[in-house]
Amino acid sequence: MSTSNLRCVVVAVDVSEESMNALRWALRNLRLRSPVDGDLSIKPGGFVILHVQPPPSIAAGLNPGAIPFGGPTQVEVPAFTAAIEAHQRRITEAVLAHAVQICEEKNVAVNTEVVVGDPKEKICEVITNLNADLLVIGCRAFGPIKRMFLGSVSNYCINHVSCPVIVVKDTS
């Protein structure tokens, strides 16, 4: 695969510096195919910065407990959920602002996309929907125990997306 033939590159970013390093690597090393006037086979794409926002229940890491003594088993506390959603939006805004700033420093125009859900599944879904040519993703240095329980987003994507994947490891 020649990097000059890339039409759509998705770079997945999150709160980690590793994901921002992956973005920097992509901007430094990849060149996208320029659309040719009148060529309808080349669809808009470019660099797409993707952030997957966890749903409130995942973000909180807990659910409110069931009401005891025969009360309802599934209880949603609206104020609790709204507060978590507002916090997640602020995190997303900060992540995207930082990523866009990195791109602006390199004079690269990008599209941003935010989806809510499990990062592993949503990254794969967006790759398919965009018909992306390449996924660039950072790799956190989880130890084997933590990786066993949490799973590796990059490893999942390598095995489930329909395009090549570049995993940028932290070299510091």
C-alpha atoms as a PDB file:
ATOM      1  CA  MET A   1       0.000   0.000   0.000  1.00  0.00           C
ATOM      2  CA  SER A   2       1.458   3.295  -1.068  1.00  0.00           C
ATOM      3  CA  THR A   3       0.699   6.170   1.276  1.00  0.00           C
ATOM      4  CA  SER A   4      -0.038   8.381  -1.728  1.00  0.00           C
ATOM      5  CA  ASN A   5      -3.030   6.157  -2.542  1.00  0.00           C
ATOM      6  CA  LEU A   6      -4.722   6.734   0.801  1.00  0.00           C
ATOM      7  CA  ARG A   7      -8.067   8.467   0.530  1.00  0.00           C
ATOM      8  CA  CYS A   8      -9.362   8.203   4.097  1.00  0.00           C
ATOM      9  CA  VAL A   9      -7.232   7.718   7.196  1.00  0.00           C
ATOM     10  CA  VAL A  10      -8.913   7.408  10.582  1.00  0.00           C
ATOM     11  CA  VAL A  11      -6.856   8.276  13.640  1.00  0.00           C
ATOM     12  CA  ALA A  12      -8.494   7.141  16.887  1.00  0.00           C
ATOM     13  CA  VAL A  13      -7.791   9.480  19.799  1.00  0.00           C
ATOM     14  CA  ASP A  14      -8.633   9.421  23.479  1.00  0.00           C
ATOM     15  CA  VAL A  15      -7.337  11.049  26.658  1.00  0.00           C
ATOM     16  CA  SER A  16      -3.975   9.300  26.393  1.00  0.00           C
ATOM     17  CA  GLU A  17      -0.789  10.921  25.188  1.00  0.00           C
ATOM     18  CA  GLU A  18      -0.157   7.698  23.224  1.00  0.00           C
ATOM     19  CA  SER A  19      -3.151   8.464  21.000  1.00  0.00           C
ATOM     20  CA  MET A  20      -1.880  11.998  20.371  1.00  0.00           C
ATOM     21  CA  ASN A  21       1.536  10.572  19.501  1.00  0.00           C
ATOM     22  CA  ALA A  22      -0.195   8.303  16.977  1.00  0.00           C
ATOM     23  CA  LEU A  23      -1.856  11.385  15.473  1.00  0.00           C
ATOM     24  CA  ARG A  24       1.487  13.191  15.255  1.00  0.00           C
ATOM     25  CA  TRP A  25       3.014  10.116  13.596  1.00  0.00           C
ATOM     26  CA  ALA A  26       0.207   9.970  11.016  1.00  0.00           C
ATOM     27  CA  LEU A  27       0.528  13.665  10.170  1.00  0.00           C
ATOM     28  CA  ARG A  28       4.302  13.334   9.832  1.00  0.00           C
ATOM     29  CA  ASN A  29       4.373  10.124   7.786  1.00  0.00           C
ATOM     30  CA  LEU A  30       1.218   9.809   5.671  1.00  0.00           C
ATOM     31  CA  ARG A  31       0.170  11.653   2.537  1.00  0.00           C
ATOM     32  CA  LEU A  32      -3.337  11.397   1.189  1.00  0.00           C
ATOM     33  CA  ARG A  33      -4.395  11.080  -2.421  1.00  0.00           C
ATOM     34  CA  SER A  34      -5.544  14.374  -3.876  1.00  0.00           C
ATOM     35  CA  PRO A  35      -8.954  14.343  -5.519  1.00  0.00           C
ATOM     36  CA  VAL A  36      -8.805  14.753  -9.289  1.00  0.00           C
ATOM     37  CA  ASP A  37     -11.371  17.103 -10.837  1.00  0.00           C
ATOM     38  CA  GLY A  38     -14.253  15.131 -12.279  1.00  0.00           C
ATOM     39  CA  ASP A  39     -13.125  11.796 -10.811  1.00  0.00           C
ATOM     40  CA  LEU A  40     -16.231  10.573  -9.004  1.00  0.00           C
ATOM     41  CA  SER A  41     -14.498   7.409  -7.793  1.00  0.00           C
ATOM     42  CA  ILE A  42     -12.571   9.459  -5.231  1.00  0.00           C
ATOM     43  CA  LYS A  43     -14.899  10.196  -2.338  1.00  0.00           C
ATOM     44  CA  PRO A  44     -14.213  12.835   0.296  1.00  0.00           C
ATOM     45  CA  GLY A  45     -12.258  11.456   3.195  1.00  0.00           C
ATOM     46  CA  GLY A  46      -8.986  12.900   4.331  1.00  0.00           C
ATOM     47  CA  PHE A  47      -7.791  12.592   7.875  1.00  0.00           C
ATOM     48  CA  VAL A  48     -10.616  11.762  10.265  1.00  0.00           C
ATOM     49  CA  ILE A  49     -10.004  12.238  13.969  1.00  0.00           C
ATOM     50  CA  LEU A  50     -12.247   9.763  15.781  1.00  0.00           C
ATOM     51  CA  HIS A  51     -13.066   9.910  19.469  1.00  0.00           C
ATOM     52  CA  VAL A  52     -15.239   7.249  21.075  1.00  0.00           C
ATOM     53  CA  GLN A  53     -17.020   8.542  24.140  1.00  0.00           C
ATOM     54  CA  PRO A  54     -17.953   5.808  26.610  1.00  0.00           C
ATOM     55  CA  PRO A  55     -21.630   5.643  27.516  1.00  0.00           C
ATOM     56  CA  PRO A  56     -22.447   6.951  31.023  1.00  0.00           C
ATOM     57  CA  SER A  57     -22.617   3.497  32.637  1.00  0.00           C
ATOM     58  CA  ILE A  58     -19.135   2.605  31.354  1.00  0.00           C
ATOM     59  CA  ALA A  59     -17.761   6.046  32.198  1.00  0.00           C
ATOM     60  CA  ALA A  60     -19.037   5.828  35.756  1.00  0.00           C
ATOM     61  CA  GLY A  61     -17.758   2.309  36.212  1.00  0.00           C
ATOM     62  CA  LEU A  62     -20.839   1.549  38.250  1.00  0.00           C
ATOM     63  CA  ASN A  63     -24.589   1.630  38.226  1.00  0.00           C
ATOM     64  CA  PRO A  64     -26.758   2.816  41.073  1.00  0.00           C
ATOM     65  CA  GLY A  65     -27.621  -0.130  43.277  1.00  0.00           C
ATOM     66  CA  ALA A  66     -30.985  -1.818  43.174  1.00  0.00           C
ATOM     67  CA  ILE A  67     -33.591  -0.717  45.671  1.00  0.00           C
ATOM     68  CA  PRO A  68     -33.732  -3.392  48.372  1.00  0.00           C
ATOM     69  CA  PHE A  69     -36.680  -5.382  49.682  1.00  0.00           C
ATOM     70  CA  GLY A  70     -38.508  -5.974  46.433  1.00  0.00           C
ATOM     71  CA  GLY A  71     -37.948  -2.558  44.832  1.00  0.00           C
ATOM     72  CA  PRO A  72     -37.160  -2.144  41.134  1.00  0.00           C
ATOM     73  CA  THR A  73     -33.965  -3.867  40.057  1.00  0.00           C
ATOM     74  CA  GLN A  74     -33.033  -1.408  37.290  1.00  0.00           C
ATOM     75  CA  VAL A  75     -32.954   2.155  38.551  1.00  0.00           C
ATOM     76  CA  GLU A  76     -31.569   5.080  36.600  1.00  0.00           C
ATOM     77  CA  VAL A  77     -30.768   8.216  38.500  1.00  0.00           C
ATOM     78  CA  PRO A  78     -31.346  11.026  35.955  1.00  0.00           C
ATOM     79  CA  ALA A  79     -29.239  13.667  37.705  1.00  0.00           C
ATOM     80  CA  PHE A  80     -26.363  11.193  38.105  1.00  0.00           C
ATOM     81  CA  THR A  81     -26.546  10.186  34.441  1.00  0.00           C
ATOM     82  CA  ALA A  82     -26.838  13.807  33.258  1.00  0.00           C
ATOM     83  CA  ALA A  83     -23.800  14.828  35.300  1.00  0.00           C
ATOM     84  CA  ILE A  84     -21.720  11.987  33.848  1.00  0.00           C
ATOM     85  CA  GLU A  85     -22.864  12.818  30.310  1.00  0.00           C
ATOM     86  CA  ALA A  86     -21.932  16.495  30.799  1.00  0.00           C
ATOM     87  CA  HIS A  87     -18.511  15.493  32.131  1.00  0.00           C
ATOM     88  CA  GLN A  88     -17.983  13.131  29.178  1.00  0.00           C
ATOM     89  CA  ARG A  89     -18.869  15.945  26.748  1.00  0.00           C
ATOM     90  CA  ARG A  90     -16.264  18.202  28.388  1.00  0.00           C
ATOM     91  CA  ILE A  91     -13.646  15.451  28.094  1.00  0.00           C
ATOM     92  CA  THR A  92     -14.551  14.918  24.435  1.00  0.00           C
ATOM     93  CA  GLU A  93     -14.315  18.649  23.700  1.00  0.00           C
ATOM     94  CA  ALA A  94     -10.870  18.802  25.327  1.00  0.00           C
ATOM     95  CA  VAL A  95      -9.598  15.718  23.461  1.00  0.00           C
ATOM     96  CA  LEU A  96     -10.808  17.020  20.094  1.00  0.00           C
ATOM     97  CA  ALA A  97      -9.526  20.551  20.735  1.00  0.00           C
ATOM     98  CA  HIS A  98      -6.067  19.143  21.517  1.00  0.00           C
ATOM     99  CA  ALA A  99      -6.107  16.889  18.431  1.00  0.00           C
ATOM    100  CA  VAL A 100      -7.267  19.700  16.138  1.00  0.00           C
ATOM    101  CA  GLN A 101      -4.562  21.992  17.550  1.00  0.00           C
ATOM    102  CA  ILE A 102      -1.914  19.374  16.693  1.00  0.00           C
ATOM    103  CA  CYS A 103      -3.303  19.222  13.139  1.00  0.00           C
ATOM    104  CA  GLU A 104      -3.426  23.008  12.790  1.00  0.00           C
ATOM    105  CA  GLU A 105       0.226  23.230  13.835  1.00  0.00           C
ATOM    106  CA  LYS A 106       1.007  20.968  10.843  1.00  0.00           C
ATOM    107  CA  ASN A 107      -1.390  22.918   8.575  1.00  0.00           C
ATOM    108  CA  VAL A 108      -3.514  19.811   8.002  1.00  0.00           C
ATOM    109  CA  ALA A 109      -7.276  20.106   7.707  1.00  0.00           C
ATOM    110  CA  VAL A 110      -9.136  17.266   9.379  1.00  0.00           C
ATOM    111  CA  ASN A 111     -12.652  16.064   9.958  1.00  0.00           C
ATOM    112  CA  THR A 112     -13.697  15.039  13.449  1.00  0.00           C
ATOM    113  CA  GLU A 113     -16.171  12.394  14.448  1.00  0.00           C
ATOM    114  CA  VAL A 114     -17.510  11.472  17.862  1.00  0.00           C
ATOM    115  CA  VAL A 115     -19.460   8.318  18.595  1.00  0.00           C
ATOM    116  CA  VAL A 116     -20.717   6.906  21.871  1.00  0.00           C
ATOM    117  CA  GLY A 117     -20.178   3.282  22.856  1.00  0.00           C
ATOM    118  CA  ASP A 118     -17.538   0.635  23.408  1.00  0.00           C
ATOM    119  CA  PRO A 119     -14.337   1.918  21.745  1.00  0.00           C
ATOM    120  CA  LYS A 120     -13.426  -1.483  20.291  1.00  0.00           C
ATOM    121  CA  GLU A 121     -16.738  -1.938  18.522  1.00  0.00           C
ATOM    122  CA  LYS A 122     -17.316   1.693  17.544  1.00  0.00           C
ATOM    123  CA  ILE A 123     -13.886   2.163  15.962  1.00  0.00           C
ATOM    124  CA  CYS A 124     -14.510  -0.895  13.775  1.00  0.00           C
ATOM    125  CA  GLU A 125     -17.998   0.363  12.905  1.00  0.00           C
ATOM    126  CA  VAL A 126     -16.743   3.811  11.858  1.00  0.00           C
ATOM    127  CA  ILE A 127     -13.956   2.273   9.755  1.00  0.00           C
ATOM    128  CA  THR A 128     -16.569   0.250   7.885  1.00  0.00           C
ATOM    129  CA  ASN A 129     -18.988   3.167   7.480  1.00  0.00           C
ATOM    130  CA  LEU A 130     -16.281   5.474   6.124  1.00  0.00           C
ATOM    131  CA  ASN A 131     -14.736   2.733   3.984  1.00  0.00           C
ATOM    132  CA  ALA A 132     -11.425   3.893   5.431  1.00  0.00           C
ATOM    133  CA  ASP A 133      -8.128   2.910   3.845  1.00  0.00           C
ATOM    134  CA  LEU A 134      -6.148   2.906   7.074  1.00  0.00           C
ATOM    135  CA  LEU A 135      -6.604   3.061  10.853  1.00  0.00           C
ATOM    136  CA  VAL A 136      -3.889   4.638  12.993  1.00  0.00           C
ATOM    137  CA  ILE A 137      -4.152   3.981  16.705  1.00  0.00           C
ATOM    138  CA  GLY A 138      -1.930   4.437  19.724  1.00  0.00           C
ATOM    139  CA  CYS A 139      -0.969   1.654  22.080  1.00  0.00           C
ATOM    140  CA  ARG A 140      -0.960   2.055  25.837  1.00  0.00           C
ATOM    141  CA  ALA A 141       1.643   0.174  27.778  1.00  0.00           C
ATOM    142  CA  PHE A 142      -0.692  -2.017  29.804  1.00  0.00           C
ATOM    143  CA  GLY A 143       0.918  -4.909  31.601  1.00  0.00           C
ATOM    144  CA  PRO A 144      -0.225  -8.453  30.800  1.00  0.00           C
ATOM    145  CA  ILE A 145      -2.650  -8.684  33.748  1.00  0.00           C
ATOM    146  CA  LYS A 146      -4.392  -5.393  33.049  1.00  0.00           C
ATOM    147  CA  ARG A 147      -4.522  -6.174  29.317  1.00  0.00           C
ATOM    148  CA  MET A 148      -6.058  -9.576  30.082  1.00  0.00           C
ATOM    149  CA  PHE A 149      -8.930  -8.015  32.042  1.00  0.00           C
ATOM    150  CA  LEU A 150      -9.454  -4.800  30.067  1.00  0.00           C
ATOM    151  CA  GLY A 151      -8.528  -6.105  26.652  1.00  0.00           C
ATOM    152  CA  SER A 152      -6.563  -4.164  24.120  1.00  0.00           C
ATOM    153  CA  VAL A 153      -8.448  -1.827  21.798  1.00  0.00           C
ATOM    154  CA  SER A 154      -5.590  -1.889  19.294  1.00  0.00           C
ATOM    155  CA  ASN A 155      -5.435  -5.692  19.308  1.00  0.00           C
ATOM    156  CA  TYR A 156      -9.207  -5.964  18.856  1.00  0.00           C
ATOM    157  CA  CYS A 157      -9.120  -3.516  15.941  1.00  0.00           C
ATOM    158  CA  ILE A 158      -6.235  -5.335  14.251  1.00  0.00           C
ATOM    159  CA  ASN A 159      -8.369  -8.467  14.213  1.00  0.00           C
ATOM    160  CA  HIS A 160     -11.732  -6.926  13.294  1.00  0.00           C
ATOM    161  CA  VAL A 161     -11.375  -3.937  10.952  1.00  0.00           C
ATOM    162  CA  SER A 162     -11.517  -4.268   7.199  1.00  0.00           C
ATOM    163  CA  CYS A 163      -8.430  -2.147   6.464  1.00  0.00           C
ATOM    164  CA  PRO A 164      -4.758  -2.124   7.456  1.00  0.00           C
ATOM    165  CA  VAL A 165      -3.955  -0.878  10.950  1.00  0.00           C
ATOM    166  CA  ILE A 166      -0.864   0.952  12.129  1.00  0.00           C
ATOM    167  CA  VAL A 167      -0.296   0.753  15.868  1.00  0.00           C
ATOM    168  CA  VAL A 168       2.013   3.479  17.105  1.00  0.00           C
ATOM    169  CA  LYS A 169       3.806   2.416  20.267  1.00  0.00           C
ATOM    170  CA  ASP A 170       5.234   4.869  22.742  1.00  0.00           C
ATOM    171  CA  THR A 171       8.975   4.861  22.269  1.00  0.00           C
ATOM    172  CA  SER A 172       9.905   6.997  25.269  1.00  0.00           C
END
